[in-house]
Amino acid sequence: MMKRDLKKLIRQDVQSMHAYAVQEARGLIKLDAMENPHRLPPALQAELGQVLGAVALNRYPGERVGDLRRALAAHAGMPEGFDIMLGNGSDELIALVALACDVPGASILAPLPGFVMYQVSAQLQGLEFIGVDLTPDFELDEAAMLAAIEKHQPSIVYLAYPNNPTANLWDDAVVEKIVEAAPGLVIMDEAYQPFSSKSYIDRIQRHSHVLLMRTMSKFGLAGVRIGYMIGPKALVAEVDKVRPPYNISVLNAECALFALGRQEVFAGQAQDIRNQRVAVQAVLAAIPGVKAWPSDANMILARVPDAQKAFEGMKSRGVLVKNVSKMHPLLANCLRLTIGTADENERMLAALQASL
């Protein structure tokens, strides 16, 4: 058999990249990935099992995906004249937008630190990525953002609202200036909307070039992999042309429809997480040597004296968080703490204090 030289077959830039790393969490309290810590109550687990057992697995996804689009549009309060597109999580939508906008000279611009997949999507599609540093307190640098937009004329500008991993919202007036200055698309990524005090949904009608992206992962269905994007019908129709057929499985669609039919359960879980966030912030504020930033998400960014020492110490005590200190210079010695249940948070805070 002829030997193939993989180094000649695989793109050079892909060979130099690192795969998205998922931490091993077996046996640990998992507070590293901004997941909803609450599972379905046993009665709903049994009910969902019956629903999924009746799904026609021998058929390609059909009308029920259309039902899901309509249910999500109603859930989000989609305005008239707009449309909705589904993705296998937000990650697929981010990749599809880059694919649709891959014209000569195209580029993607986003604040840093931010969600890593904005940059990955640009790299994989061969687009230039322009990262613009936030201020030391993780606010948008208005002058730097506007200057970068003027210089590079990006095809896509990403604004996460609230941002990951910093968990904060940005000044509305600055966001508005950036939206108005953008020559291409602006994507407002509201992945953490269930925990946020604000949304851009009521403002997308003012701008024909703005797309709003959300996910059901933070709603409580991270394992179901449903992302969605809302925008003007004509714009969504163009991006939708590059979507693979049947990208939403019948099982995922049924799970999502099941959850949307029981929104009060998930709304109660989100409220509990918001309440727990307040309690965790209060404890962090009292720990000497720890600086925690305000959060509108289900995570808190905290700076400690030695992030690696604290991370390893917490892990040895059975608690897994995310050490983001090497992601960007502005994140030096920072940990990202996902908000869990009351018991998980108590153990996380005790492990943190013992590890400082």
Foldseek 3Di string as FASTA:
>chain_A
DDDDDVCVVDDPLVVVDDPDDDDDQPQFAEFADQFQQDDDPPVLVVVLVVVLVPDPQVDFDDCLVVVLQVLVCVVLVADPQKGKDKALAVLRVLLLVLVLPPDPLAEEEEEPPFDPSNVVSCVVSVHHYHYHYAPLLRERPLVRLLVCCVVRLHQEYEDEAVTPPAQHGYDPVSVVVNLVSRPHAYEYEDQFVLQAPDDCNVPQVVHQRYKYKYGCRNLRCVVLRMIMIMHRPVVVVSSNVSDDPSNHGPSSSSVSVSCSVVSVVSSVSSVQLNVQVVVLVVLQVPQPQKDWHDHSGQKIKIAHPAQVQLQVQLVVLRHHHARCCPVDVSSNRITIGGRYHPVNSVSSSVSNSVRD
